[in-house]
Structures are given as C-alpha cells and as structure tokens.
Protein backbone atom coordinates (compact mmCIF):
# COMPACT_ATOMS: atom_id res chain seq x y z
CA MET A 1 -20.71 77.50 -25.68
CA ASN A 2 -19.29 80.42 -23.70
CA ARG A 3 -22.66 82.16 -23.79
CA LEU A 4 -24.40 79.01 -22.62
CA LEU A 5 -21.98 78.59 -19.70
CA THR A 6 -22.51 82.22 -18.74
CA LEU A 7 -26.28 81.72 -18.81
CA ILE A 8 -25.95 78.64 -16.62
CA ARG A 9 -23.87 80.59 -14.10
CA ARG A 10 -26.55 83.27 -14.22
CA GLU A 11 -29.15 80.77 -13.02
CA PHE A 12 -27.10 79.96 -9.92
CA TRP A 13 -26.56 83.66 -9.26
CA GLU A 14 -30.24 84.51 -9.50
CA HIS A 15 -31.68 81.34 -7.95
CA ARG A 16 -29.39 80.64 -5.03
CA ALA A 17 -31.71 78.04 -3.54
CA LEU A 18 -30.43 75.67 -6.23
CA TRP A 19 -27.15 75.29 -4.35
CA ILE A 20 -27.91 76.69 -0.88
CA ALA A 21 -30.69 74.17 -0.12
CA PRO A 22 -28.63 71.02 -0.91
CA LEU A 23 -25.67 72.42 1.04
CA ALA A 24 -27.95 73.16 3.99
CA VAL A 25 -29.28 69.59 3.99
CA ALA A 26 -25.72 68.24 3.80
CA ALA A 27 -24.74 70.47 6.73
CA LEU A 28 -27.65 69.15 8.81
CA VAL A 29 -26.66 65.57 8.00
CA MET A 30 -23.09 66.23 9.09
CA LEU A 31 -24.35 67.92 12.24
CA GLY A 32 -26.25 64.72 12.97
CA ALA A 33 -23.03 62.76 12.43
CA VAL A 34 -21.22 64.93 14.96
CA ILE A 35 -23.80 65.13 17.74
CA GLY A 36 -26.20 62.26 16.93
CA HIS A 37 -26.31 58.81 18.45
CA ALA A 38 -27.91 55.47 17.64
CA SER A 39 -28.01 52.05 19.19
CA ILE A 40 -27.96 48.72 17.38
CA GLY A 41 -28.27 45.50 19.29
CA SER A 42 -25.57 42.89 18.78
CA ASP A 43 -27.85 39.98 18.05
CA THR A 44 -26.90 36.85 16.13
CA ALA A 45 -28.25 38.14 12.83
CA ALA A 46 -26.24 41.34 13.09
CA ALA A 47 -23.08 39.30 13.54
CA ASP A 48 -23.58 37.82 10.07
CA PRO A 49 -21.18 39.61 7.63
CA SER A 50 -23.67 39.37 4.76
CA MET A 51 -26.33 41.05 6.85
CA ARG A 52 -23.97 43.89 7.80
CA GLN A 53 -23.08 44.35 4.12
CA GLY A 54 -26.72 44.44 3.05
CA LEU A 55 -27.76 46.87 5.76
CA PHE A 56 -24.84 49.14 4.88
CA GLY A 57 -25.99 49.27 1.25
CA VAL A 58 -29.58 50.05 2.20
CA ALA A 59 -28.38 52.72 4.62
CA LEU A 60 -26.45 54.38 1.78
CA LEU A 61 -29.57 54.45 -0.40
CA LEU A 62 -31.68 55.89 2.41
CA PHE A 63 -28.91 58.38 3.17
CA GLY A 64 -29.72 60.37 0.05
CA VAL A 65 -33.49 60.49 0.55
CA PRO A 66 -33.51 63.93 2.28
CA GLN A 67 -31.44 65.38 -0.55
CA TRP A 68 -33.66 63.95 -3.29
CA ILE A 69 -36.82 65.20 -1.59
CA THR A 70 -35.26 68.65 -1.24
CA LEU A 71 -34.16 68.51 -4.87
CA SER A 72 -37.67 67.77 -6.13
CA VAL A 73 -39.08 70.73 -4.18
CA ILE A 74 -36.51 73.31 -5.27
CA LEU A 75 -36.63 72.19 -8.91
CA TRP A 76 -40.41 72.52 -8.95
CA PHE A 77 -40.30 76.10 -7.70
CA TYR A 78 -37.34 76.94 -9.92
CA SER A 79 -39.01 75.58 -13.06
CA VAL A 80 -42.28 77.42 -12.50
CA ASP A 81 -40.54 80.69 -11.60
CA CYS A 82 -37.42 81.07 -13.75
CA LEU A 83 -39.04 82.38 -16.95
CA TYR A 84 -41.91 84.09 -15.16
CA ALA A 85 -39.63 86.01 -12.77
CA GLU A 86 -37.61 87.66 -15.54
CA ARG A 87 -40.82 89.09 -17.00
CA LYS A 88 -42.07 90.14 -13.59
CA ASP A 89 -38.93 92.10 -12.66
CA ARG A 90 -38.36 93.27 -16.27
CA SER A 91 -34.87 91.77 -16.38
CA ILE A 92 -35.95 90.10 -19.61
CA LEU A 93 -35.53 93.49 -21.32
CA PHE A 94 -31.85 93.53 -20.38
CA TRP A 95 -31.22 89.96 -21.50
CA LYS A 96 -33.06 90.49 -24.79
CA SER A 97 -30.74 93.42 -25.47
CA MET A 98 -27.75 91.08 -25.15
CA PRO A 99 -26.53 88.87 -28.01
CA VAL A 100 -28.26 85.84 -26.50
CA SER A 101 -31.02 83.95 -28.27
CA ASP A 102 -34.24 82.76 -26.68
CA LEU A 103 -33.20 79.19 -27.44
CA GLU A 104 -29.96 79.57 -25.49
CA THR A 105 -31.77 81.13 -22.54
CA VAL A 106 -34.48 78.47 -22.29
CA LEU A 107 -31.99 75.66 -22.96
CA SER A 108 -29.75 76.88 -20.13
CA LYS A 109 -32.66 76.80 -17.70
CA PHE A 110 -33.72 73.35 -18.91
CA LEU A 111 -30.18 71.98 -18.49
CA VAL A 112 -29.90 73.45 -15.00
CA ALA A 113 -33.17 71.90 -13.83
CA GLY A 114 -32.96 68.68 -15.81
CA LEU A 115 -29.32 67.70 -15.52
CA ILE A 116 -26.80 69.96 -13.78
CA VAL A 117 -28.47 70.33 -10.39
CA PRO A 118 -29.42 66.61 -10.08
CA LEU A 119 -25.84 65.58 -10.92
CA GLY A 120 -24.51 68.16 -8.47
CA VAL A 121 -26.73 66.78 -5.72
CA PHE A 122 -25.51 63.27 -6.56
CA VAL A 123 -21.88 64.34 -6.13
CA LEU A 124 -22.70 66.21 -2.92
CA THR A 125 -24.56 63.21 -1.49
CA SER A 126 -21.66 60.89 -2.32
CA LEU A 127 -19.14 63.16 -0.59
CA THR A 128 -21.42 63.63 2.40
CA SER A 129 -21.77 59.87 2.83
CA LEU A 130 -17.98 59.53 2.88
CA LEU A 131 -17.62 62.25 5.51
CA PHE A 132 -20.49 60.83 7.55
CA CYS A 133 -18.94 57.36 7.69
CA ALA A 134 -15.55 58.87 8.57
CA VAL A 135 -16.97 60.93 11.43
CA TRP A 136 -18.90 57.98 12.89
CA ALA A 137 -15.87 55.74 12.58
CA LEU A 138 -13.74 58.29 14.45
CA ARG A 139 -16.40 58.64 17.11
CA GLY A 140 -16.55 54.86 17.51
CA ARG A 141 -20.32 54.83 17.67
CA PHE A 142 -20.82 51.23 16.51
CA ASP A 143 -19.16 47.96 17.28
CA PRO A 144 -17.54 46.77 13.99
CA GLY A 145 -18.72 43.27 14.81
CA VAL A 146 -22.31 44.47 14.76
CA VAL A 147 -22.57 46.86 11.82
CA ASN A 148 -20.32 47.86 8.92
CA LEU A 149 -19.18 51.47 9.07
CA TRP A 150 -17.53 51.06 5.69
CA ASP A 151 -17.58 48.68 2.74
CA THR A 152 -15.78 49.96 -0.37
CA GLY A 153 -17.36 47.49 -2.79
CA THR A 154 -20.88 48.17 -1.57
CA TRP A 155 -20.31 51.93 -1.58
CA LEU A 156 -19.08 51.88 -5.19
CA HIS A 157 -21.97 49.63 -6.21
CA VAL A 158 -24.55 51.94 -4.65
CA GLN A 159 -22.94 55.03 -6.20
CA ALA A 160 -22.98 53.41 -9.64
CA LEU A 161 -26.65 52.46 -9.23
CA THR A 162 -27.50 55.96 -8.04
CA PHE A 163 -25.65 57.65 -10.90
CA VAL A 164 -27.40 55.58 -13.55
CA GLY A 165 -30.69 56.07 -11.72
CA VAL A 166 -30.22 59.85 -11.70
CA LEU A 167 -29.61 59.90 -15.46
CA ALA A 168 -32.66 57.72 -16.13
CA THR A 169 -34.84 59.77 -13.77
CA THR A 170 -33.85 63.11 -15.30
CA LEU A 171 -34.74 61.81 -18.76
CA TRP A 172 -38.02 60.38 -17.48
CA TYR A 173 -39.07 63.67 -15.89
CA ALA A 174 -37.79 65.81 -18.78
CA PRO A 175 -41.37 66.33 -20.11
CA LEU A 176 -42.50 67.60 -16.70
CA THR A 177 -39.56 70.02 -16.50
CA ALA A 178 -40.22 71.29 -20.03
CA TYR A 179 -43.97 71.59 -19.30
CA LEU A 180 -43.28 73.75 -16.24
CA LEU A 181 -40.86 75.93 -18.21
CA MET A 182 -43.46 76.44 -20.92
CA LEU A 183 -46.05 77.49 -18.35
CA SER A 184 -43.49 79.77 -16.70
CA ALA A 185 -42.97 81.51 -20.04
CA TRP A 186 -46.71 81.78 -20.73
CA ALA A 187 -48.59 82.41 -17.47
CA ARG A 188 -49.10 85.98 -16.29
CA ARG A 189 -49.36 84.91 -12.64
CA ASN A 190 -49.86 81.86 -10.37
CA VAL A 191 -47.78 79.49 -12.48
CA SER A 192 -48.03 76.67 -9.92
CA VAL A 193 -51.82 76.91 -10.06
CA TRP A 194 -51.76 76.60 -13.85
CA ALA A 195 -49.43 73.61 -13.54
CA ILE A 196 -51.68 71.70 -11.13
CA VAL A 197 -55.30 72.75 -11.63
CA PRO A 198 -55.88 71.99 -15.36
CA PRO A 199 -54.59 68.36 -15.19
CA LEU A 200 -56.49 67.80 -11.93
CA ALA A 201 -59.66 69.28 -13.40
CA ALA A 202 -59.29 67.11 -16.51
CA VAL A 203 -59.01 63.99 -14.35
CA ILE A 204 -62.14 64.94 -12.40
CA VAL A 205 -64.12 65.76 -15.56
CA GLU A 206 -63.16 62.45 -17.17
CA GLN A 207 -64.19 60.55 -14.05
CA ILE A 208 -67.56 62.33 -13.81
CA ALA A 209 -68.43 62.48 -17.50
CA PHE A 210 -67.10 59.17 -18.80
CA HIS A 211 -66.58 57.12 -15.60
CA THR A 212 -63.06 56.27 -16.73
CA HIS A 213 -59.63 57.07 -15.32
CA HIS A 214 -57.31 56.83 -18.32
CA LEU A 215 -55.83 60.27 -17.79
CA ARG A 216 -55.22 59.58 -14.11
CA THR A 217 -53.44 56.36 -15.05
CA VAL A 218 -51.24 58.17 -17.57
CA LEU A 219 -50.33 60.92 -15.09
CA SER A 220 -49.60 58.44 -12.30
CA TYR A 221 -47.40 56.41 -14.63
CA ARG A 222 -45.44 59.46 -15.75
CA LEU A 223 -45.01 60.75 -12.20
CA GLY A 224 -44.02 57.47 -10.54
CA GLY A 225 -43.51 54.82 -13.20
CA ILE A 226 -39.73 55.22 -13.32
CA LEU A 227 -39.37 54.19 -9.68
CA GLN A 228 -41.27 50.96 -10.28
CA GLN A 229 -38.69 49.90 -12.84
CA PHE A 230 -35.91 50.12 -10.26
CA HIS A 231 -37.56 47.37 -8.14
CA LEU A 232 -36.86 49.22 -4.91
CA GLY A 233 -39.56 47.24 -3.15
CA GLN A 234 -37.27 44.22 -3.05
CA LEU A 235 -35.13 46.01 -0.47
CA PHE A 236 -37.76 45.25 2.13
CA ILE A 237 -38.11 42.01 4.05
CA GLU A 238 -40.26 39.41 2.38
CA GLY A 239 -41.43 36.17 3.88
CA ASN A 240 -38.91 34.62 6.24
CA ASP A 241 -35.93 36.58 4.94
CA ASN A 242 -33.78 38.38 7.45
CA PRO A 243 -32.92 42.04 6.73
CA GLY A 244 -29.46 41.22 5.40
CA THR A 245 -30.66 38.58 2.92
CA ALA A 246 -33.46 40.80 1.64
CA SER A 247 -31.13 43.79 1.35
CA ILE A 248 -28.43 41.93 -0.59
CA ARG A 249 -30.98 40.41 -2.96
CA GLY A 250 -32.67 43.77 -3.40
CA LEU A 251 -29.42 45.56 -4.22
CA ALA A 252 -28.53 42.87 -6.75
CA ASN A 253 -31.94 43.20 -8.44
CA ILE A 254 -31.89 46.99 -8.82
CA HIS A 255 -31.16 47.65 -12.48
CA PRO A 256 -31.86 51.32 -13.27
CA ALA A 257 -30.22 50.90 -16.69
CA GLN A 258 -33.27 48.90 -17.77
CA ALA A 259 -35.21 52.16 -17.85
CA PHE A 260 -33.26 53.21 -20.97
CA ALA A 261 -34.90 50.32 -22.85
CA ASN A 262 -38.38 51.69 -22.09
CA ILE A 263 -39.86 53.34 -25.18
CA ASP A 264 -41.96 55.61 -22.96
CA LEU A 265 -38.79 57.27 -21.68
CA TRP A 266 -37.67 58.24 -25.19
CA LEU A 267 -41.16 59.31 -26.23
CA GLY A 268 -41.10 61.58 -23.20
CA VAL A 269 -37.77 63.04 -24.36
CA LEU A 270 -39.34 63.87 -27.74
CA ILE A 271 -42.29 65.53 -26.00
CA ALA A 272 -39.86 67.47 -23.80
CA ALA A 273 -38.04 68.75 -26.89
CA ALA A 274 -41.34 69.96 -28.37
CA LEU A 275 -42.29 71.69 -25.11
CA VAL A 276 -38.89 73.38 -24.88
CA LEU A 277 -39.34 74.73 -28.41
CA ALA A 278 -42.81 75.94 -27.41
CA ALA A 279 -41.30 77.73 -24.40
CA VAL A 280 -38.71 79.35 -26.68
CA ARG A 281 -41.38 80.64 -29.04
CA ILE A 282 -43.60 81.87 -26.21
CA ARG A 283 -40.68 83.74 -24.62
CA ARG A 284 -39.83 85.33 -27.95
CA TYR A 285 -43.27 86.85 -28.45
CA ARG A 286 -44.62 87.13 -24.90
CA ASP A 287 -45.33 90.73 -23.95
CA ASP A 288 -47.00 91.37 -20.61
CA THR A 289 -47.17 95.12 -21.25
C-alpha cells in the first residue's frame, strides 16, 4: 500500500497538469465571481420560489461544466502519455530497478486517471461553488426576491447526484482509460494517432464494405451512452413548462444510480481489467532499444 501511494504521488509530481489545470479553471471561475456581473429581470415567473429553486439547481449543474470538460482533456493526454513518456525519457530504467512491480505501476496510473483525479475535481468544484455563492452574496449582485443565491437542500441534492454520477461515469469509461494506457505502453510514437485512427478506419471500412454501421453504434454508445441514462435532457423546457417547473422536474428525474444496474457498465469493467493486465504485460517486455 505504501508503494502504491508513493507511485500515485509520483504521477502528480511528473504530470502537474492533473492538478494545475483544475485549479486554474477554479481560479478563473472565482475571478468571474469577483469582477463579473449579470442581470436577471424581476418578472412574475422569477418571483415564484419554485422557479428560483429549480434555476439554482440547474445553475449548480452547469457550474461544473468547465471543470468536467477540462478534466476530459487532461485525462486523455495523461492516459496516452504516462506509460509512453517513461520509455521516451528512459526513466523506466530507474523505476524498474526499484522494488516496484509492473502491476503496481500500471494500477497507480489507472487509479489516478480513473478515480482519484475525477473525485478530486468533484471536491474542488463543490468548494468553488460554495465560494462563488458566498462572493456573489457579499457583492449583492442579485435581488433575493428574483433569484436564489443559496439553497442548502438543493445544493446537497445536486452534490449527491454529481458524486454518484462521477462514480458511474468513471466505471463506464474505465475501458477507454485502460485502452489508452495499453496503447501508451505499446506504441513507439504518436499514441493519440493510434488511439483514434484504427477505430475510425474500422468504422469507414465497415460502412464501405458492408454498408452497415454496427461498430459506429457501439462506439457511440460507449462514448456517450452513460449520459443518456442520467436523463439530463429533462432539465430543458418542454411544452408550456416554465423554466422553474422544467428544472425541478428534471432534477427529480435524474437518477445516476440507475447506471449501476446496466450490465454494459460491468462488462466494460471486465474489459478494462483485461486491458490493464495487457498493459502490465506489454510494459514488462517492451524494449524500444
């Protein structure tokens, strides 16, 4: 366990973007809280308490979007580079001389990309939302009769939904993370190209040769299917609903825990385990000399 914790700390030492990028986004958000401004009209609908509550919940969900987009970018580049970089700069020779197994090394990188960093971003986003609301309340930017600057129950509800959603999403994308790690351990150069071009070429070949799109359907489902199960589309206005009614109904109908009942999620976890073992074996015998 001590070796694994040391290896995890190593990842944050060597790949500083894992923590610098989320902190930079949080700093920009807080800068916006300090110097930004917004105007919301005090119409009749905004005076409705239920509407203010619903809009506050949706605002909290949207608040984390910049962080989650940043997270997806940095984890992609980290996953394709972490095992390749140690071969490129020959640091792998030092680590192989230490009493650390290939399994521990690959597992530490998989845990960093698949669990630790997403949970860290979740905590950072939660704290940033608290500070943001506090700053705007102190600045008195909004009329409390028009928009809620704070709602404890809604905030806790959104944080619980987000936490469960992060866990489900990390499990869902575990095969992708493991696939990128395997390529990072195997490819001699241009790991991102190897990650994108072969699946894209396979989709094109299937379409041309067989006039089918089964592979494209499978890839689309694995890349975006988890979000469909959260029913985020219900947050938007439908029919004659006002924004508050649609937002409250949408928040009540978001059930990320349902994703754990999807057999495809657990099949993906099994595939991820196989890919991690493949990355371990490739790292053990890979010799670019």
